Amino acid sequence: SIHQANDVDWLLFYAVGHDWHEIRVTPEAATLDLKIDLYDDQGTRLLASADWNFAGQSETLSYHLDGDSRWLWIRISAVNYVDSGQQQAYRVAVYQPYLEFDTILYGRVTADSTAQPLARVGVTSNLLTSGSLTNANGYYLMPHRAGKFEVTAQAPSLGYGTATQSVTAVALTYAEVNFRLTGAPPATRTPNSYQAATQELLLVDVLVGANHFEARLHLDPQGLVLLTTTAATHSLSQPCRYDAATGMVTIPYVELAGTTQAYAATLRLVDPQTWRFAIASLEPTAYLASGY
């Protein structure tokens, strides 16, 4: 139950490897608006979140565990909490949603030129609103409904094209659908990163108007000071953005160098003369080993 604005509940469950899981929380009070955050077995790395619906409505988070079976943490909190003077209860359920489907698609996505597996390729169906991502070895798994439909694999951010196949799947069976994508991967790119040893923040692609820059900043007790800016040599699918009107810098993803920790952040310009920024927000986000 939730009994105050900053109340947070943590629940631990055992997730089956290479499988889908669905987490659903349902408030019993019409004023209770809930949010689901899913963390790794240490409770430190955010894997996924769900906060789509209004107060009094259920929230559902679907997650596919690519690796081996392990324990995962569920964090449940309230959004825009309304104090009713008493504890506000909710129900939580975790299950594998295969009963909503009657077949499973699986396969591998590789590069046509090298036959090497492609990671983080989006695989979607024209009958579903959500899809799947390939793992580090190029494999994906996607529950589906039997029948005739089209399946598409696409990875434009990786430098590859799109491929679509027509599929006829029979109920209570597995359907293998493999893809070979044409194109060439981009050059190895450096992600936004923070070096704790030097206290230096590197932003490799900052969009300012129509121009792209690389920026280096130094962290001190008063915030971050801009050291240098140069023309960007790396292009990211999700660049940082500087809004000159508000002085805000939006950073969708930055890695803590040498770790598997990553954060989303916003900076606020507080001194235009010295280009000093304050950290307006800092939230953990999912780590993407292959960049973004």
Protein backbone atom coordinates (compact mmCIF):
# COMPACT_ATOMS: atom_id res chain seq x y z
CA SER A 1 0.00 0.00 0.00
CA ILE A 2 0.96 3.68 -0.41
CA HIS A 3 0.44 5.90 2.63
CA GLN A 4 2.40 9.08 1.83
CA ALA A 5 3.84 10.99 -1.13
CA ASN A 6 7.38 9.58 -0.89
CA ASP A 7 6.36 6.01 -0.05
CA VAL A 8 8.00 3.36 -2.26
CA ASP A 9 7.44 -0.40 -2.26
CA TRP A 10 10.08 -2.87 -3.48
CA LEU A 11 9.12 -6.39 -4.59
CA LEU A 12 11.49 -9.19 -5.68
CA PHE A 13 10.53 -11.86 -8.22
CA TYR A 14 12.33 -14.61 -10.13
CA ALA A 15 12.36 -13.89 -13.87
CA VAL A 16 12.69 -16.75 -16.36
CA GLY A 17 15.55 -16.30 -18.82
CA HIS A 18 14.85 -15.65 -22.52
CA ASP A 19 11.17 -15.14 -21.74
CA TRP A 20 8.47 -12.49 -21.55
CA HIS A 21 7.04 -11.22 -18.28
CA GLU A 22 4.16 -8.89 -17.56
CA ILE A 23 3.86 -6.82 -14.39
CA ARG A 24 0.48 -5.26 -13.61
CA VAL A 25 -0.45 -3.03 -10.67
CA THR A 26 -4.07 -2.05 -10.00
CA PRO A 27 -4.96 0.68 -7.48
CA GLU A 28 -8.00 0.21 -5.27
CA ALA A 29 -8.43 3.97 -4.79
CA ALA A 30 -9.65 6.16 -7.63
CA THR A 31 -7.13 8.87 -6.66
CA LEU A 32 -4.06 6.61 -6.67
CA ASP A 33 -1.81 6.97 -9.73
CA LEU A 34 0.93 4.32 -9.77
CA LYS A 35 4.26 3.95 -11.56
CA ILE A 36 6.23 0.73 -12.17
CA ASP A 37 10.05 0.67 -12.39
CA LEU A 38 11.91 -2.58 -13.07
CA TYR A 39 15.49 -2.92 -11.80
CA ASP A 40 18.25 -5.52 -12.04
CA ASP A 41 19.03 -8.04 -9.29
CA GLN A 42 21.07 -5.43 -7.40
CA GLY A 43 18.28 -2.86 -7.51
CA THR A 44 20.63 -0.28 -9.06
CA ARG A 45 20.18 -0.44 -12.85
CA LEU A 46 16.85 0.62 -14.31
CA LEU A 47 15.63 -1.82 -16.98
CA ALA A 48 12.17 -0.49 -17.88
CA SER A 49 9.36 1.75 -16.61
CA ALA A 50 5.61 2.16 -17.08
CA ASP A 51 3.58 5.26 -16.24
CA TRP A 52 1.02 5.64 -18.99
CA ASN A 53 -2.42 5.72 -17.37
CA PHE A 54 -4.36 8.02 -15.07
CA ALA A 55 -5.23 7.74 -11.40
CA GLY A 56 -7.42 4.74 -10.58
CA GLN A 57 -6.28 2.82 -13.68
CA SER A 58 -3.97 -0.20 -13.91
CA GLU A 59 -0.39 0.12 -15.13
CA THR A 60 1.19 -2.71 -17.15
CA LEU A 61 4.87 -3.26 -17.94
CA SER A 62 5.98 -5.95 -20.41
CA TYR A 63 9.63 -7.02 -20.33
CA HIS A 64 11.66 -9.68 -22.12
CA LEU A 65 14.66 -11.04 -20.20
CA ASP A 66 17.33 -11.74 -22.82
CA GLY A 67 19.82 -13.43 -20.51
CA ASP A 68 19.71 -16.26 -17.98
CA SER A 69 17.05 -16.57 -15.28
CA ARG A 70 17.59 -14.23 -12.33
CA TRP A 71 15.93 -12.22 -9.58
CA LEU A 72 14.62 -8.76 -10.54
CA TRP A 73 13.30 -5.93 -8.39
CA ILE A 74 9.98 -4.13 -8.94
CA ARG A 75 9.72 -0.57 -7.57
CA ILE A 76 6.18 0.78 -7.13
CA SER A 77 5.59 4.46 -6.35
CA ALA A 78 2.81 7.04 -6.56
CA VAL A 79 2.63 9.91 -9.06
CA ASN A 80 1.00 13.19 -7.94
CA TYR A 81 0.00 11.58 -4.63
CA VAL A 82 -3.30 12.77 -3.13
CA ASP A 83 -3.40 12.36 0.66
CA SER A 84 -6.64 10.70 1.71
CA GLY A 85 -5.63 10.35 5.35
CA GLN A 86 -5.27 6.57 5.12
CA GLN A 87 -3.23 3.91 3.37
CA GLN A 88 -4.15 3.41 -0.30
CA ALA A 89 -3.93 -0.24 -1.30
CA TYR A 90 -3.15 -1.75 -4.68
CA ARG A 91 -2.85 -5.22 -6.20
CA VAL A 92 0.21 -6.44 -8.08
CA ALA A 93 0.55 -9.46 -10.38
CA VAL A 94 3.51 -10.86 -12.31
CA TYR A 95 2.97 -13.47 -14.98
CA GLN A 96 4.11 -14.69 -18.38
CA PRO A 97 1.54 -13.45 -20.93
CA TYR A 98 1.65 -16.36 -23.37
CA LEU A 99 -2.03 -17.06 -22.87
CA GLU A 100 -2.76 -13.88 -24.81
CA PHE A 101 -0.97 -15.45 -27.79
CA ASP A 102 -1.00 -18.89 -29.37
CA THR A 103 2.29 -18.97 -31.26
CA ILE A 104 5.83 -17.69 -30.83
CA LEU A 105 8.05 -16.09 -33.46
CA TYR A 106 11.79 -16.47 -33.18
CA GLY A 107 14.80 -16.04 -35.41
CA ARG A 108 18.08 -14.32 -36.04
CA VAL A 109 19.02 -11.08 -37.79
CA THR A 110 22.39 -10.92 -39.55
CA ALA A 111 24.24 -8.58 -41.89
CA ASP A 112 23.88 -9.63 -45.51
CA SER A 113 27.47 -8.72 -46.40
CA THR A 114 29.22 -10.44 -43.48
CA ALA A 115 26.63 -12.88 -42.05
CA GLN A 116 27.52 -11.46 -38.63
CA PRO A 117 24.70 -11.15 -36.04
CA LEU A 118 23.16 -7.72 -35.49
CA ALA A 119 22.24 -6.62 -31.96
CA ARG A 120 19.41 -4.22 -30.99
CA VAL A 121 17.52 -4.61 -34.25
CA GLY A 122 13.81 -3.85 -33.92
CA VAL A 123 11.49 -6.67 -35.03
CA THR A 124 7.80 -5.78 -35.35
CA SER A 125 4.53 -7.19 -36.69
CA ASN A 126 1.74 -5.34 -38.47
CA LEU A 127 -0.73 -6.97 -36.04
CA LEU A 128 0.96 -5.94 -32.77
CA THR A 129 1.57 -2.59 -31.10
CA SER A 130 4.86 -3.73 -29.55
CA GLY A 131 7.76 -5.77 -30.85
CA SER A 132 11.12 -7.21 -29.88
CA LEU A 133 14.83 -6.36 -30.00
CA THR A 134 17.59 -8.76 -31.01
CA ASN A 135 20.14 -9.66 -28.34
CA ALA A 136 23.93 -9.53 -28.62
CA ASN A 137 23.91 -12.70 -30.76
CA GLY A 138 21.23 -11.40 -33.14
CA TYR A 139 18.37 -13.55 -31.79
CA TYR A 140 14.86 -12.36 -30.95
CA LEU A 141 11.71 -13.92 -29.50
CA MET A 142 8.19 -12.51 -29.90
CA PRO A 143 4.84 -13.97 -28.74
CA HIS A 144 2.19 -13.64 -31.46
CA ARG A 145 -1.24 -14.72 -32.62
CA ALA A 146 -1.63 -17.41 -35.26
CA GLY A 147 -2.62 -16.39 -38.79
CA LYS A 148 -1.20 -14.45 -41.73
CA PHE A 149 0.76 -11.25 -41.07
CA GLU A 150 3.94 -9.36 -41.93
CA VAL A 151 7.08 -9.19 -39.81
CA THR A 152 9.64 -6.41 -40.28
CA ALA A 153 13.24 -6.06 -39.08
CA GLN A 154 14.81 -2.62 -39.23
CA ALA A 155 17.94 -0.94 -37.89
CA PRO A 156 18.41 2.47 -39.55
CA SER A 157 20.40 3.81 -36.59
CA LEU A 158 22.93 1.00 -37.13
CA GLY A 159 23.33 1.82 -40.82
CA TYR A 160 21.20 -1.05 -42.14
CA GLY A 161 18.00 -1.13 -44.17
CA THR A 162 14.58 -2.67 -43.59
CA ALA A 163 13.37 -6.16 -44.50
CA THR A 164 9.79 -7.49 -44.38
CA GLN A 165 8.51 -11.06 -44.68
CA SER A 166 5.01 -12.49 -45.00
CA VAL A 167 4.41 -15.15 -42.36
CA THR A 168 1.73 -17.79 -41.84
CA ALA A 169 1.86 -19.07 -38.25
CA VAL A 170 -0.04 -22.08 -36.94
CA ALA A 171 -1.50 -22.09 -33.42
CA LEU A 172 0.51 -23.79 -30.65
CA THR A 173 3.70 -23.88 -32.71
CA TYR A 174 6.94 -21.93 -33.10
CA ALA A 175 7.57 -19.97 -36.31
CA GLU A 176 11.16 -19.25 -37.35
CA VAL A 177 11.64 -15.99 -39.25
CA ASN A 178 15.24 -14.97 -40.03
CA PHE A 179 16.43 -11.76 -41.66
CA ARG A 180 19.54 -10.62 -43.55
CA LEU A 181 19.80 -6.84 -43.66
CA THR A 182 21.71 -4.93 -46.31
CA GLY A 183 23.83 -1.91 -45.55
CA ALA A 184 27.01 -1.12 -43.69
CA PRO A 185 27.46 -0.40 -40.00
CA PRO A 186 28.62 3.10 -39.09
CA ALA A 187 32.09 3.67 -37.78
CA THR A 188 32.59 2.84 -34.12
CA ARG A 189 31.21 5.72 -32.16
CA THR A 190 32.00 7.06 -28.72
CA PRO A 191 28.99 7.49 -26.46
CA ASN A 192 28.44 10.41 -24.13
CA SER A 193 30.51 9.55 -21.07
CA TYR A 194 31.62 10.80 -17.68
CA GLN A 195 35.16 10.04 -16.47
CA ALA A 196 35.17 9.97 -12.66
CA ALA A 197 38.98 10.10 -12.47
CA THR A 198 39.19 13.42 -14.32
CA GLN A 199 35.64 14.62 -13.49
CA GLU A 200 35.15 15.32 -17.19
CA LEU A 201 31.89 14.98 -19.07
CA LEU A 202 32.11 14.31 -22.82
CA LEU A 203 29.04 15.02 -24.96
CA VAL A 204 29.88 13.79 -28.45
CA ASP A 205 26.78 15.10 -30.26
CA VAL A 206 25.04 18.27 -29.04
CA LEU A 207 22.43 19.76 -31.34
CA VAL A 208 22.37 23.57 -31.20
CA GLY A 209 19.85 24.83 -33.73
CA ALA A 210 20.81 22.99 -36.92
CA ASN A 211 24.47 22.47 -35.94
CA HIS A 212 26.12 19.55 -34.17
CA PHE A 213 28.94 20.05 -31.66
CA GLU A 214 31.14 17.98 -29.35
CA ALA A 215 31.41 19.49 -25.88
CA ARG A 216 33.69 18.80 -22.91
CA LEU A 217 32.70 19.96 -19.43
CA HIS A 218 34.40 19.73 -16.02
CA LEU A 219 32.55 18.93 -12.81
CA ASP A 220 33.35 20.92 -9.65
CA PRO A 221 31.41 21.55 -6.41
CA GLN A 222 29.42 24.37 -8.07
CA GLY A 223 28.33 22.38 -11.12
CA LEU A 224 29.72 21.91 -14.63
CA VAL A 225 31.91 24.34 -16.56
CA LEU A 226 32.20 24.20 -20.34
CA LEU A 227 35.81 23.61 -21.37
CA THR A 228 35.73 23.22 -25.17
CA THR A 229 33.35 22.90 -28.10
CA THR A 230 34.27 21.54 -31.53
CA ALA A 231 32.38 20.31 -34.57
CA ALA A 232 30.88 16.90 -33.85
CA THR A 233 32.58 13.91 -35.46
CA HIS A 234 30.04 11.38 -34.18
CA SER A 235 26.34 11.28 -35.01
CA LEU A 236 23.96 9.78 -32.45
CA SER A 237 20.39 8.66 -33.04
CA GLN A 238 19.46 10.55 -29.85
CA PRO A 239 21.68 13.67 -29.72
CA CYS A 240 21.88 16.01 -26.77
CA ARG A 241 19.99 19.27 -27.32
CA TYR A 242 20.75 22.81 -26.15
CA ASP A 243 17.85 25.27 -26.02
CA ALA A 244 19.28 28.78 -26.16
CA ALA A 245 15.95 30.31 -25.10
CA THR A 246 15.84 28.42 -21.79
CA GLY A 247 19.50 27.61 -21.32
CA MET A 248 18.62 23.93 -20.86
CA VAL A 249 20.70 21.00 -22.11
CA THR A 250 18.87 17.68 -22.46
CA ILE A 251 21.12 14.60 -22.27
CA PRO A 252 19.15 11.43 -23.10
CA TYR A 253 22.02 9.07 -22.28
CA VAL A 254 25.46 9.27 -20.67
CA GLU A 255 27.62 6.35 -19.53
CA LEU A 256 29.70 6.30 -16.36
CA ALA A 257 32.96 5.22 -17.99
CA GLY A 258 34.24 1.79 -17.02
CA THR A 259 30.90 0.65 -15.59
CA THR A 260 27.49 -0.53 -16.80
CA GLN A 261 25.76 2.48 -15.26
CA ALA A 262 24.02 5.06 -17.42
CA TYR A 263 21.94 8.15 -16.77
CA ALA A 264 19.60 10.64 -18.42
CA ALA A 265 20.18 14.23 -17.34
CA THR A 266 19.28 17.86 -17.88
CA LEU A 267 21.59 20.82 -17.29
CA ARG A 268 20.61 24.45 -16.70
CA LEU A 269 22.84 27.38 -17.69
CA VAL A 270 23.36 29.52 -14.57
CA ASP A 271 26.24 31.79 -15.64
CA PRO A 272 26.44 32.73 -19.37
CA GLN A 273 29.73 34.57 -18.79
CA THR A 274 31.64 31.48 -17.67
CA TRP A 275 29.29 28.92 -19.27
CA ARG A 276 28.61 27.25 -15.94
CA PHE A 277 25.75 24.75 -15.75
CA ALA A 278 23.84 23.34 -12.80
CA ILE A 279 22.56 19.77 -12.85
CA ALA A 280 18.77 20.13 -13.02
CA SER A 281 17.95 16.40 -13.06
CA LEU A 282 19.77 13.07 -13.07
CA GLU A 283 17.96 9.74 -13.43
CA PRO A 284 19.30 6.20 -14.02
CA THR A 285 18.44 4.69 -17.39
CA ALA A 286 18.96 1.36 -19.15
CA TYR A 287 22.59 0.67 -20.13
CA LEU A 288 23.11 0.09 -23.88
CA ALA A 289 26.44 -1.62 -24.42
CA SER A 290 26.27 -1.11 -28.20
CA GLY A 291 25.67 2.65 -28.03
CA TYR A 292 22.47 4.44 -29.05
